[in-house]
Amino acid sequence: MTKPADDDLGFTFLATKRGEVLIRHRGRLAATLRGAAAREFLAGMEGASPAERQRAMARATGNYRRGNERLARTHPHNRG
């Protein structure tokens, strides 16, 4: 089994005829962008590298690393 590339976070998107953008994470719907947000998102996708696209989709869904994962793992509430 091969390990996915570090820049592949598992996001894909689909622009619909109605002007919506459906963002999926590992096959499951994670966010739907409409109106100005959808237009802004699509404009940002033009000319973006695959890694930049993945990060943009993560930001759009709110599913991105915030830098506190290591601290959260050791917090007393999260200990098994």
PDB file of N, CA and C in Angstrom:
ATOM      1  N   MET A   1       0.849  -1.176   0.000  1.00  0.00           N
ATOM      2  CA  MET A   1       0.000   0.000   0.000  1.00  0.00           C
ATOM      3  C   MET A   1       0.892   1.237   0.000  1.00  0.00           C
ATOM      4  N   THR A   2       0.574   2.198  -0.840  1.00  0.00           N
ATOM      5  CA  THR A   2       1.381   3.403  -0.914  1.00  0.00           C
ATOM      6  C   THR A   2       0.781   4.501  -0.061  1.00  0.00           C
ATOM      7  N   LYS A   3       1.656   5.312   0.485  1.00  0.00           N
ATOM      8  CA  LYS A   3       1.235   6.433   1.311  1.00  0.00           C
ATOM      9  C   LYS A   3       0.859   7.601   0.401  1.00  0.00           C
ATOM     10  N   PRO A   4      -0.298   8.290   0.674  1.00  0.00           N
ATOM     11  CA  PRO A   4      -0.643   9.433  -0.172  1.00  0.00           C
ATOM     12  C   PRO A   4       0.367  10.551  -0.003  1.00  0.00           C
ATOM     13  N   ALA A   5       0.485  11.376  -1.022  1.00  0.00           N
ATOM     14  CA  ALA A   5       1.415  12.506  -0.965  1.00  0.00           C
ATOM     15  C   ALA A   5       1.014  13.441   0.171  1.00  0.00           C
ATOM     16  N   ASP A   6       2.016  14.115   0.744  1.00  0.00           N
ATOM     17  CA  ASP A   6       1.755  15.014   1.856  1.00  0.00           C
ATOM     18  C   ASP A   6       0.812  16.147   1.486  1.00  0.00           C
ATOM     19  N   ASP A   7       0.809  16.538   0.216  1.00  0.00           N
ATOM     20  CA  ASP A   7      -0.048  17.646  -0.189  1.00  0.00           C
ATOM     21  C   ASP A   7      -1.455  17.195  -0.564  1.00  0.00           C
ATOM     22  N   ASP A   8      -1.744  15.898  -0.582  1.00  0.00           N
ATOM     23  CA  ASP A   8      -3.089  15.409  -0.868  1.00  0.00           C
ATOM     24  C   ASP A   8      -3.821  15.198   0.449  1.00  0.00           C
ATOM     25  N   LEU A   9      -4.749  16.101   0.747  1.00  0.00           N
ATOM     26  CA  LEU A   9      -5.500  16.034   1.992  1.00  0.00           C
ATOM     27  C   LEU A   9      -6.833  15.320   1.830  1.00  0.00           C
ATOM     28  N   GLY A  10      -7.129  14.843   0.628  1.00  0.00           N
ATOM     29  CA  GLY A  10      -8.341  14.077   0.394  1.00  0.00           C
ATOM     30  C   GLY A  10      -9.539  14.910  -0.027  1.00  0.00           C
ATOM     31  N   PHE A  11      -9.320  16.132  -0.490  1.00  0.00           N
ATOM     32  CA  PHE A  11     -10.424  16.995  -0.908  1.00  0.00           C
ATOM     33  C   PHE A  11     -10.605  16.971  -2.412  1.00  0.00           C
ATOM     34  N   THR A  12     -11.869  17.062  -2.840  1.00  0.00           N
ATOM     35  CA  THR A  12     -12.228  17.259  -4.238  1.00  0.00           C
ATOM     36  C   THR A  12     -13.361  18.270  -4.270  1.00  0.00           C
ATOM     37  N   PHE A  13     -13.569  18.893  -5.441  1.00  0.00           N
ATOM     38  CA  PHE A  13     -14.700  19.809  -5.548  1.00  0.00           C
ATOM     39  C   PHE A  13     -15.365  19.669  -6.903  1.00  0.00           C
ATOM     40  N   LEU A  14     -16.634  20.093  -6.952  1.00  0.00           N
ATOM     41  CA  LEU A  14     -17.419  20.044  -8.168  1.00  0.00           C
ATOM     42  C   LEU A  14     -18.213  21.335  -8.256  1.00  0.00           C
ATOM     43  N   ALA A  15     -18.083  22.038  -9.377  1.00  0.00           N
ATOM     44  CA  ALA A  15     -18.874  23.245  -9.615  1.00  0.00           C
ATOM     45  C   ALA A  15     -20.134  22.818 -10.364  1.00  0.00           C
ATOM     46  N   THR A  16     -21.311  23.194  -9.840  1.00  0.00           N
ATOM     47  CA  THR A  16     -22.580  22.811 -10.456  1.00  0.00           C
ATOM     48  C   THR A  16     -23.063  23.887 -11.419  1.00  0.00           C
ATOM     49  N   LYS A  17     -24.049  23.553 -12.228  1.00  0.00           N
ATOM     50  CA  LYS A  17     -24.636  24.511 -13.165  1.00  0.00           C
ATOM     51  C   LYS A  17     -25.345  25.653 -12.443  1.00  0.00           C
ATOM     52  N   ARG A  18     -25.808  25.395 -11.228  1.00  0.00           N
ATOM     53  CA  ARG A  18     -26.511  26.428 -10.459  1.00  0.00           C
ATOM     54  C   ARG A  18     -25.558  27.409  -9.785  1.00  0.00           C
ATOM     55  N   GLY A  19     -24.259  27.231  -9.989  1.00  0.00           N
ATOM     56  CA  GLY A  19     -23.290  28.151  -9.414  1.00  0.00           C
ATOM     57  C   GLY A  19     -22.812  27.764  -8.032  1.00  0.00           C
ATOM     58  N   GLU A  20     -23.153  26.572  -7.577  1.00  0.00           N
ATOM     59  CA  GLU A  20     -22.698  26.086  -6.274  1.00  0.00           C
ATOM     60  C   GLU A  20     -21.378  25.343  -6.451  1.00  0.00           C
ATOM     61  N   VAL A  21     -20.638  25.256  -5.374  1.00  0.00           N
ATOM     62  CA  VAL A  21     -19.420  24.449  -5.347  1.00  0.00           C
ATOM     63  C   VAL A  21     -19.580  23.437  -4.224  1.00  0.00           C
ATOM     64  N   LEU A  22     -19.518  22.166  -4.582  1.00  0.00           N
ATOM     65  CA  LEU A  22     -19.615  21.083  -3.602  1.00  0.00           C
ATOM     66  C   LEU A  22     -18.207  20.606  -3.294  1.00  0.00           C
ATOM     67  N   ILE A  23     -17.822  20.679  -2.040  1.00  0.00           N
ATOM     68  CA  ILE A  23     -16.488  20.233  -1.626  1.00  0.00           C
ATOM     69  C   ILE A  23     -16.651  18.939  -0.846  1.00  0.00           C
ATOM     70  N   ARG A  24     -15.924  17.932  -1.276  1.00  0.00           N
ATOM     71  CA  ARG A  24     -15.971  16.621  -0.611  1.00  0.00           C
ATOM     72  C   ARG A  24     -14.624  16.323   0.023  1.00  0.00           C
ATOM     73  N   HIS A  25     -14.690  15.652   1.155  1.00  0.00           N
ATOM     74  CA  HIS A  25     -13.486  15.194   1.840  1.00  0.00           C
ATOM     75  C   HIS A  25     -13.574  13.688   1.956  1.00  0.00           C
ATOM     76  N   ARG A  26     -12.672  13.015   1.282  1.00  0.00           N
ATOM     77  CA  ARG A  26     -12.634  11.552   1.228  1.00  0.00           C
ATOM     78  C   ARG A  26     -13.991  10.963   0.820  1.00  0.00           C
ATOM     79  N   GLY A  27     -14.630  11.642  -0.169  1.00  0.00           N
ATOM     80  CA  GLY A  27     -15.876  11.138  -0.723  1.00  0.00           C
ATOM     81  C   GLY A  27     -17.141  11.626  -0.046  1.00  0.00           C
ATOM     82  N   ARG A  28     -17.036  12.240   1.106  1.00  0.00           N
ATOM     83  CA  ARG A  28     -18.224  12.705   1.838  1.00  0.00           C
ATOM     84  C   ARG A  28     -18.346  14.219   1.708  1.00  0.00           C
ATOM     85  N   LEU A  29     -19.574  14.699   1.514  1.00  0.00           N
ATOM     86  CA  LEU A  29     -19.804  16.122   1.369  1.00  0.00           C
ATOM     87  C   LEU A  29     -19.362  16.853   2.633  1.00  0.00           C
ATOM     88  N   ALA A  30     -18.468  17.826   2.469  1.00  0.00           N
ATOM     89  CA  ALA A  30     -17.936  18.566   3.610  1.00  0.00           C
ATOM     90  C   ALA A  30     -18.454  19.994   3.643  1.00  0.00           C
ATOM     91  N   ALA A  31     -18.739  20.585   2.469  1.00  0.00           N
ATOM     92  CA  ALA A  31     -19.222  21.965   2.428  1.00  0.00           C
ATOM     93  C   ALA A  31     -19.867  22.239   1.082  1.00  0.00           C
ATOM     94  N   THR A  32     -20.818  23.171   1.095  1.00  0.00           N
ATOM     95  CA  THR A  32     -21.431  23.675  -0.126  1.00  0.00           C
ATOM     96  C   THR A  32     -21.275  25.180  -0.112  1.00  0.00           C
ATOM     97  N   LEU A  33     -20.631  25.705  -1.141  1.00  0.00           N
ATOM     98  CA  LEU A  33     -20.436  27.147  -1.254  1.00  0.00           C
ATOM     99  C   LEU A  33     -21.417  27.682  -2.284  1.00  0.00           C
ATOM    100  N   ARG A  34     -22.019  28.830  -1.975  1.00  0.00           N
ATOM    101  CA  ARG A  34     -22.974  29.454  -2.890  1.00  0.00           C
ATOM    102  C   ARG A  34     -22.635  30.924  -3.052  1.00  0.00           C
ATOM    103  N   GLY A  35     -23.133  31.516  -4.126  1.00  0.00           N
ATOM    104  CA  GLY A  35     -23.017  32.952  -4.334  1.00  0.00           C
ATOM    105  C   GLY A  35     -21.587  33.438  -4.439  1.00  0.00           C
ATOM    106  N   ALA A  36     -21.332  34.537  -3.728  1.00  0.00           N
ATOM    107  CA  ALA A  36     -20.008  35.179  -3.789  1.00  0.00           C
ATOM    108  C   ALA A  36     -18.908  34.247  -3.291  1.00  0.00           C
ATOM    109  N   ALA A  37     -19.202  33.457  -2.271  1.00  0.00           N
ATOM    110  CA  ALA A  37     -18.191  32.536  -1.737  1.00  0.00           C
ATOM    111  C   ALA A  37     -17.781  31.519  -2.803  1.00  0.00           C
ATOM    112  N   ALA A  38     -18.748  31.019  -3.561  1.00  0.00           N
ATOM    113  CA  ALA A  38     -18.456  30.047  -4.616  1.00  0.00           C
ATOM    114  C   ALA A  38     -17.641  30.701  -5.727  1.00  0.00           C
ATOM    115  N   ARG A  39     -18.024  31.908  -6.132  1.00  0.00           N
ATOM    116  CA  ARG A  39     -17.291  32.600  -7.194  1.00  0.00           C
ATOM    117  C   ARG A  39     -15.858  32.902  -6.764  1.00  0.00           C
ATOM    118  N   GLU A  40     -15.681  33.349  -5.526  1.00  0.00           N
ATOM    119  CA  GLU A  40     -14.345  33.639  -5.002  1.00  0.00           C
ATOM    120  C   GLU A  40     -13.486  32.376  -4.970  1.00  0.00           C
ATOM    121  N   PHE A  41     -14.097  31.283  -4.518  1.00  0.00           N
ATOM    122  CA  PHE A  41     -13.387  30.011  -4.430  1.00  0.00           C
ATOM    123  C   PHE A  41     -12.908  29.570  -5.812  1.00  0.00           C
ATOM    124  N   LEU A  42     -13.807  29.611  -6.813  1.00  0.00           N
ATOM    125  CA  LEU A  42     -13.451  29.171  -8.160  1.00  0.00           C
ATOM    126  C   LEU A  42     -12.378  30.060  -8.772  1.00  0.00           C
ATOM    127  N   ALA A  43     -12.435  31.355  -8.492  1.00  0.00           N
ATOM    128  CA  ALA A  43     -11.399  32.262  -8.996  1.00  0.00           C
ATOM    129  C   ALA A  43     -10.046  31.907  -8.400  1.00  0.00           C
ATOM    130  N   GLY A  44     -10.024  31.515  -7.134  1.00  0.00           N
ATOM    131  CA  GLY A  44      -8.781  31.129  -6.473  1.00  0.00           C
ATOM    132  C   GLY A  44      -8.219  29.810  -6.967  1.00  0.00           C
ATOM    133  N   MET A  45      -9.068  28.967  -7.541  1.00  0.00           N
ATOM    134  CA  MET A  45      -8.627  27.660  -8.036  1.00  0.00           C
ATOM    135  C   MET A  45      -7.890  27.781  -9.362  1.00  0.00           C
ATOM    136  N   GLU A  46      -8.180  28.850 -10.122  1.00  0.00           N
ATOM    137  CA  GLU A  46      -7.534  29.023 -11.424  1.00  0.00           C
ATOM    138  C   GLU A  46      -6.035  29.257 -11.247  1.00  0.00           C
ATOM    139  N   GLY A  47      -5.248  28.412 -11.853  1.00  0.00           N
ATOM    140  CA  GLY A  47      -3.796  28.556 -11.797  1.00  0.00           C
ATOM    141  C   GLY A  47      -3.159  28.091 -10.497  1.00  0.00           C
ATOM    142  N   ALA A  48      -3.940  27.562  -9.572  1.00  0.00           N
ATOM    143  CA  ALA A  48      -3.388  27.088  -8.294  1.00  0.00           C
ATOM    144  C   ALA A  48      -2.782  25.699  -8.469  1.00  0.00           C
ATOM    145  N   SER A  49      -1.726  25.441  -7.730  1.00  0.00           N
ATOM    146  CA  SER A  49      -1.100  24.112  -7.766  1.00  0.00           C
ATOM    147  C   SER A  49      -2.002  23.127  -7.015  1.00  0.00           C
ATOM    148  N   PRO A  50      -1.803  21.838  -7.207  1.00  0.00           N
ATOM    149  CA  PRO A  50      -2.617  20.855  -6.485  1.00  0.00           C
ATOM    150  C   PRO A  50      -2.539  21.033  -4.962  1.00  0.00           C
ATOM    151  N   ALA A  51      -1.369  21.332  -4.439  1.00  0.00           N
ATOM    152  CA  ALA A  51      -1.229  21.523  -2.987  1.00  0.00           C
ATOM    153  C   ALA A  51      -1.995  22.762  -2.537  1.00  0.00           C
ATOM    154  N   GLU A  52      -1.928  23.838  -3.322  1.00  0.00           N
ATOM    155  CA  GLU A  52      -2.665  25.058  -2.975  1.00  0.00           C
ATOM    156  C   GLU A  52      -4.167  24.814  -3.031  1.00  0.00           C
ATOM    157  N   ARG A  53      -4.612  24.020  -3.982  1.00  0.00           N
ATOM    158  CA  ARG A  53      -6.040  23.684  -4.079  1.00  0.00           C
ATOM    159  C   ARG A  53      -6.497  22.908  -2.848  1.00  0.00           C
ATOM    160  N   GLN A  54      -5.684  21.949  -2.422  1.00  0.00           N
ATOM    161  CA  GLN A  54      -6.044  21.161  -1.238  1.00  0.00           C
ATOM    162  C   GLN A  54      -6.166  22.059  -0.009  1.00  0.00           C
ATOM    163  N   ARG A  55      -5.213  22.961   0.156  1.00  0.00           N
ATOM    164  CA  ARG A  55      -5.253  23.866   1.315  1.00  0.00           C
ATOM    165  C   ARG A  55      -6.452  24.808   1.237  1.00  0.00           C
ATOM    166  N   ALA A  56      -6.784  25.280   0.054  1.00  0.00           N
ATOM    167  CA  ALA A  56      -7.933  26.177  -0.107  1.00  0.00           C
ATOM    168  C   ALA A  56      -9.234  25.453   0.236  1.00  0.00           C
ATOM    169  N   MET A  57      -9.353  24.202  -0.181  1.00  0.00           N
ATOM    170  CA  MET A  57     -10.562  23.430   0.148  1.00  0.00           C
ATOM    171  C   MET A  57     -10.631  23.150   1.638  1.00  0.00           C
ATOM    172  N   ALA A  58      -9.498  22.883   2.261  1.00  0.00           N
ATOM    173  CA  ALA A  58      -9.477  22.659   3.707  1.00  0.00           C
ATOM    174  C   ALA A  58      -9.924  23.923   4.445  1.00  0.00           C
ATOM    175  N   ARG A  59      -9.425  25.079   4.003  1.00  0.00           N
ATOM    176  CA  ARG A  59      -9.837  26.343   4.627  1.00  0.00           C
ATOM    177  C   ARG A  59     -11.326  26.599   4.435  1.00  0.00           C
ATOM    178  N   ALA A  60     -11.830  26.309   3.234  1.00  0.00           N
ATOM    179  CA  ALA A  60     -13.239  26.552   2.930  1.00  0.00           C
ATOM    180  C   ALA A  60     -14.156  25.694   3.787  1.00  0.00           C
ATOM    181  N   THR A  61     -13.707  24.511   4.167  1.00  0.00           N
ATOM    182  CA  THR A  61     -14.536  23.624   4.985  1.00  0.00           C
ATOM    183  C   THR A  61     -14.280  23.797   6.475  1.00  0.00           C
ATOM    184  N   GLY A  62     -13.222  24.517   6.826  1.00  0.00           N
ATOM    185  CA  GLY A  62     -12.881  24.656   8.237  1.00  0.00           C
ATOM    186  C   GLY A  62     -12.088  23.475   8.750  1.00  0.00           C
ATOM    187  N   ASN A  63     -11.717  22.553   7.854  1.00  0.00           N
ATOM    188  CA  ASN A  63     -10.999  21.346   8.233  1.00  0.00           C
ATOM    189  C   ASN A  63      -9.516  21.521   7.907  1.00  0.00           C
ATOM    190  N   TYR A  64      -8.828  22.265   8.724  1.00  0.00           N
ATOM    191  CA  TYR A  64      -7.403  22.461   8.510  1.00  0.00           C
ATOM    192  C   TYR A  64      -6.698  22.511   9.852  1.00  0.00           C
ATOM    193  N   ARG A  65      -5.429  22.261   9.848  1.00  0.00           N
ATOM    194  CA  ARG A  65      -4.658  22.223  11.088  1.00  0.00           C
ATOM    195  C   ARG A  65      -4.486  23.616  11.653  1.00  0.00           C
ATOM    196  N   ARG A  66      -4.683  23.714  12.929  1.00  0.00           N
ATOM    197  CA  ARG A  66      -4.605  24.992  13.609  1.00  0.00           C
ATOM    198  C   ARG A  66      -3.326  25.130  14.436  1.00  0.00           C
ATOM    199  N   GLY A  67      -2.505  24.069  14.460  1.00  0.00           N
ATOM    200  CA  GLY A  67      -1.243  24.132  15.173  1.00  0.00           C
ATOM    201  C   GLY A  67      -1.310  23.646  16.603  1.00  0.00           C
ATOM    202  N   ASN A  68      -2.509  23.291  17.089  1.00  0.00           N
ATOM    203  CA  ASN A  68      -2.617  22.885  18.479  1.00  0.00           C
ATOM    204  C   ASN A  68      -2.886  21.387  18.642  1.00  0.00           C
ATOM    205  N   GLU A  69      -2.712  20.605  17.586  1.00  0.00           N
ATOM    206  CA  GLU A  69      -3.024  19.183  17.677  1.00  0.00           C
ATOM    207  C   GLU A  69      -2.168  18.462  18.710  1.00  0.00           C
ATOM    208  N   ARG A  70      -0.892  18.805  18.758  1.00  0.00           N
ATOM    209  CA  ARG A  70      -0.005  18.130  19.690  1.00  0.00           C
ATOM    210  C   ARG A  70      -0.410  18.459  21.127  1.00  0.00           C
ATOM    211  N   LEU A  71      -0.723  19.714  21.394  1.00  0.00           N
ATOM    212  CA  LEU A  71      -1.157  20.113  22.732  1.00  0.00           C
ATOM    213  C   LEU A  71      -2.481  19.461  23.100  1.00  0.00           C
ATOM    214  N   ALA A  72      -3.412  19.393  22.143  1.00  0.00           N
ATOM    215  CA  ALA A  72      -4.722  18.826  22.429  1.00  0.00           C
ATOM    216  C   ALA A  72      -4.620  17.350  22.780  1.00  0.00           C
ATOM    217  N   ARG A  73      -3.683  16.648  22.145  1.00  0.00           N
ATOM    218  CA  ARG A  73      -3.526  15.218  22.398  1.00  0.00           C
ATOM    219  C   ARG A  73      -3.135  14.947  23.862  1.00  0.00           C
ATOM    220  N   THR A  74      -2.377  15.848  24.456  1.00  0.00           N
ATOM    221  CA  THR A  74      -1.884  15.631  25.823  1.00  0.00           C
ATOM    222  C   THR A  74      -2.787  16.279  26.878  1.00  0.00           C
ATOM    223  N   HIS A  75      -3.848  16.954  26.477  1.00  0.00           N
ATOM    224  CA  HIS A  75      -4.751  17.599  27.427  1.00  0.00           C
ATOM    225  C   HIS A  75      -5.452  16.526  28.268  1.00  0.00           C
ATOM    226  N   PRO A  76      -5.652  16.767  29.577  1.00  0.00           N
ATOM    227  CA  PRO A  76      -6.273  15.756  30.448  1.00  0.00           C
ATOM    228  C   PRO A  76      -7.645  15.264  29.959  1.00  0.00           C
ATOM    229  N   HIS A  77      -8.412  16.095  29.321  1.00  0.00           N
ATOM    230  CA  HIS A  77      -9.740  15.685  28.835  1.00  0.00           C
ATOM    231  C   HIS A  77      -9.635  14.679  27.690  1.00  0.00           C
ATOM    232  N   ASN A  78      -8.510  14.671  26.994  1.00  0.00           N
ATOM    233  CA  ASN A  78      -8.362  13.816  25.826  1.00  0.00           C
ATOM    234  C   ASN A  78      -7.534  12.560  26.083  1.00  0.00           C
ATOM    235  N   ARG A  79      -7.177  12.339  27.298  1.00  0.00           N
ATOM    236  CA  ARG A  79      -6.411  11.128  27.613  1.00  0.00           C
ATOM    237  C   ARG A  79      -7.359   9.954  27.775  1.00  0.00           C
ATOM    238  N   GLY A  80      -6.933   8.823  27.286  1.00  0.00           N
ATOM    239  CA  GLY A  80      -7.764   7.612  27.283  1.00  0.00           C
ATOM    240  C   GLY A  80      -7.837   7.005  28.591  1.00  0.00           C
TER     241      GLY A  80
END
